[in-house]
């Protein structure tokens, strides 16, 4: 068995997750975060701008893995389903972030912007796309994010699989040739 090496970012992420078990995300300070894992504030700031960037980094790492598999092992619907599963697999943590890490630099906006940028890069690597298609993708990705977040926080009646299927069915027509023909 191989020992997994943990990076400073991993330690900070673990510390945040641990603290979120007992405290609202918006109430956690950088000092608490770093003391909890035996690091210093300067070390934190060498890796992240603020705690919201750390929050987003945790989710973004998982999203990045799923998008990397788009068109190889997963359809777009499967990728959307996996985005939902990421939230469900650490439900208490993500519920805390979505409810309590709000505002301009919030978890919600930062993760959505990251996913949009990843999807735009993925699309542009494979196709020459117009500004209209890029704008449509931004719109659609925001709609997916808000719908998933609302579903997650309110526990809508749809199962994760059904929600992923519906989100693909609701895809704007200009994106279908790019995201459904993979």
Protein backbone atom coordinates (compact mmCIF):
# COMPACT_ATOMS: atom_id res chain seq x y z
CA UNK A 1 0.00 0.00 0.00
CA UNK A 2 1.34 3.41 -0.97
CA UNK A 3 1.27 6.32 1.48
CA UNK A 4 -0.56 9.28 0.03
CA UNK A 5 1.36 12.55 0.24
CA UNK A 6 -0.73 15.43 1.50
CA UNK A 7 -0.02 18.92 0.26
CA UNK A 8 -0.44 22.13 2.21
CA UNK A 9 -3.65 22.74 0.27
CA UNK A 10 -4.89 19.28 1.27
CA UNK A 11 -4.14 19.99 4.94
CA UNK A 12 -6.01 23.29 4.78
CA UNK A 13 -8.95 21.60 3.05
CA UNK A 14 -9.10 18.89 5.71
CA UNK A 15 -8.95 21.53 8.41
CA UNK A 16 -11.81 23.49 6.84
CA UNK A 17 -13.94 20.36 6.49
CA UNK A 18 -13.28 19.46 10.11
CA UNK A 19 -14.18 22.93 11.35
CA UNK A 20 -17.33 23.00 9.20
CA UNK A 21 -18.55 19.99 11.15
CA UNK A 22 -18.92 22.19 14.24
CA UNK A 23 -19.16 25.74 12.92
CA UNK A 24 -20.83 27.81 10.24
CA UNK A 25 -18.44 28.37 7.30
CA UNK A 26 -18.80 32.15 7.46
CA UNK A 27 -17.69 32.17 11.11
CA UNK A 28 -14.43 30.26 10.58
CA UNK A 29 -11.36 32.46 10.71
CA UNK A 30 -8.04 31.94 8.95
CA UNK A 31 -6.40 31.75 12.36
CA UNK A 32 -8.68 28.90 13.46
CA UNK A 33 -8.20 27.17 10.15
CA UNK A 34 -4.41 27.27 10.28
CA UNK A 35 -4.11 26.47 13.99
CA UNK A 36 -6.34 23.45 13.50
CA UNK A 37 -3.84 21.90 11.08
CA UNK A 38 -0.60 23.24 12.58
CA UNK A 39 0.12 25.82 9.87
CA UNK A 40 0.48 29.59 9.93
CA UNK A 41 -1.56 32.37 8.36
CA UNK A 42 1.27 33.32 5.95
CA UNK A 43 1.33 29.71 4.76
CA UNK A 44 -2.41 29.92 4.13
CA UNK A 45 -2.03 33.14 2.15
CA UNK A 46 0.77 31.61 0.07
CA UNK A 47 -1.83 29.13 -1.19
CA UNK A 48 -5.18 30.93 -1.13
CA UNK A 49 -6.46 34.50 -1.32
CA UNK A 50 -9.15 33.85 1.30
CA UNK A 51 -11.22 31.04 2.79
CA UNK A 52 -13.72 31.29 -0.05
CA UNK A 53 -11.03 30.44 -2.56
CA UNK A 54 -10.15 27.40 -0.43
CA UNK A 55 -13.82 26.38 -0.33
CA UNK A 56 -14.07 26.62 -4.10
CA UNK A 57 -10.76 24.77 -4.60
CA UNK A 58 -12.11 21.74 -2.73
CA UNK A 59 -15.11 21.39 -5.07
CA UNK A 60 -13.24 22.54 -8.18
CA UNK A 61 -10.71 19.71 -7.86
CA UNK A 62 -13.55 17.22 -8.10
CA UNK A 63 -15.27 19.06 -10.96
CA UNK A 64 -11.99 19.19 -12.89
CA UNK A 65 -11.68 15.39 -12.69
CA UNK A 66 -15.17 14.91 -14.12
CA UNK A 67 -14.72 17.36 -17.00
CA UNK A 68 -11.42 15.69 -17.89
CA UNK A 69 -13.45 12.51 -18.53
CA UNK A 70 -16.08 14.23 -20.68
CA UNK A 71 -16.18 12.55 -24.06
CA UNK A 72 -13.71 9.86 -22.97
CA UNK A 73 -15.52 7.85 -20.32
CA UNK A 74 -18.55 10.03 -19.59
CA UNK A 75 -21.37 11.66 -21.50
CA UNK A 76 -22.38 15.20 -20.56
CA UNK A 77 -25.33 13.79 -18.61
CA UNK A 78 -22.98 11.57 -16.60
CA UNK A 79 -20.75 14.56 -15.82
CA UNK A 80 -23.76 16.54 -14.56
CA UNK A 81 -24.77 13.55 -12.43
CA UNK A 82 -21.25 13.38 -10.98
CA UNK A 83 -21.38 17.09 -10.08
CA UNK A 84 -24.53 16.33 -8.08
CA UNK A 85 -22.88 13.29 -6.45
CA UNK A 86 -19.93 15.41 -5.28
CA UNK A 87 -22.35 17.47 -3.20
CA UNK A 88 -24.19 14.43 -1.89
CA UNK A 89 -21.04 12.55 -0.88
CA UNK A 90 -20.11 15.31 1.57
CA UNK A 91 -23.59 16.69 2.12
CA UNK A 92 -23.13 18.34 5.51
CA UNK A 93 -20.00 20.20 4.38
CA UNK A 94 -21.46 21.47 1.09
CA UNK A 95 -24.78 22.39 2.69
CA UNK A 96 -22.83 24.53 5.17
CA UNK A 97 -20.93 26.24 2.34
CA UNK A 98 -24.00 26.89 0.20
CA UNK A 99 -25.99 28.29 3.12
CA UNK A 100 -23.27 30.22 4.91
CA UNK A 101 -20.55 31.20 2.44
CA UNK A 102 -22.46 33.83 0.48
CA UNK A 103 -21.70 37.15 -1.16
CA UNK A 104 -19.54 38.41 -4.00
CA UNK A 105 -16.70 35.90 -3.46
CA UNK A 106 -19.01 33.11 -2.35
CA UNK A 107 -18.49 29.42 -2.80
CA UNK A 108 -21.45 29.31 -5.16
CA UNK A 109 -20.15 31.93 -7.59
CA UNK A 110 -16.51 30.89 -7.49
CA UNK A 111 -17.26 27.24 -8.27
CA UNK A 112 -19.67 28.18 -11.03
CA UNK A 113 -17.15 30.48 -12.71
CA UNK A 114 -14.50 27.76 -12.52
CA UNK A 115 -16.78 25.16 -14.10
CA UNK A 116 -17.75 27.61 -16.85
CA UNK A 117 -14.09 28.29 -17.63
CA UNK A 118 -13.29 24.55 -17.69
CA UNK A 119 -16.20 23.81 -20.00
CA UNK A 120 -15.32 26.70 -22.31
CA UNK A 121 -11.72 25.47 -22.51
CA UNK A 122 -12.92 21.91 -23.16
CA UNK A 123 -15.23 23.10 -25.93
CA UNK A 124 -12.63 25.36 -27.57
CA UNK A 125 -10.06 22.55 -27.64
CA UNK A 126 -12.43 20.47 -29.74
CA UNK A 127 -14.41 22.96 -31.80
CA UNK A 128 -14.26 26.41 -33.24
CA UNK A 129 -17.12 28.08 -31.41
CA UNK A 130 -18.73 31.46 -31.90
CA UNK A 131 -19.20 34.06 -29.21
CA UNK A 132 -22.91 33.18 -29.28
CA UNK A 133 -22.15 29.55 -28.40
CA UNK A 134 -19.75 30.64 -25.64
CA UNK A 135 -22.39 32.99 -24.21
CA UNK A 136 -24.98 30.24 -24.43
CA UNK A 137 -22.63 27.92 -22.55
CA UNK A 138 -22.15 30.54 -19.80
CA UNK A 139 -25.91 30.95 -19.50
CA UNK A 140 -26.51 27.19 -19.43
CA UNK A 141 -23.76 26.47 -16.91
CA UNK A 142 -25.15 29.15 -14.57
CA UNK A 143 -28.62 27.62 -14.95
CA UNK A 144 -27.26 24.14 -14.18
CA UNK A 145 -25.41 25.41 -11.11
CA UNK A 146 -28.37 27.32 -9.69
CA UNK A 147 -30.77 24.45 -10.36
CA UNK A 148 -28.48 21.90 -8.71
CA UNK A 149 -27.87 24.18 -5.72
CA UNK A 150 -31.59 24.90 -5.29
CA UNK A 151 -32.37 21.18 -5.60
CA UNK A 152 -29.63 20.30 -3.11
CA UNK A 153 -30.76 22.83 -0.51
CA UNK A 154 -34.49 22.18 -0.83
CA UNK A 155 -34.37 18.43 -1.48
CA UNK A 156 -36.58 18.49 -4.54
CA UNK A 157 -38.47 15.32 -5.40
CA UNK A 158 -36.23 14.40 -8.35
CA UNK A 159 -33.55 11.77 -7.86
CA UNK A 160 -30.00 12.83 -8.82
CA UNK A 161 -30.21 10.73 -12.01
CA UNK A 162 -33.54 12.29 -13.03
CA UNK A 163 -32.26 15.79 -12.30
CA UNK A 164 -29.17 15.19 -14.46
CA UNK A 165 -31.38 13.86 -17.26
CA UNK A 166 -33.70 16.88 -17.05
CA UNK A 167 -30.79 19.32 -17.07
CA UNK A 168 -29.57 17.76 -20.30
CA UNK A 169 -33.09 17.82 -21.79
CA UNK A 170 -33.31 21.54 -20.94
CA UNK A 171 -30.03 22.26 -22.75
CA UNK A 172 -30.31 25.18 -25.21
CA UNK A 173 -30.38 24.03 -28.84
CA UNK A 174 -27.12 25.79 -29.88
CA UNK A 175 -25.14 23.64 -27.41
CA UNK A 176 -26.57 20.25 -28.33
CA UNK A 177 -24.25 19.60 -31.31
CA UNK A 178 -21.25 20.24 -29.05
CA UNK A 179 -22.28 18.56 -25.79
CA UNK A 180 -24.51 15.70 -26.91
CA UNK A 181 -22.49 14.44 -29.87
CA UNK A 182 -19.44 13.39 -27.87
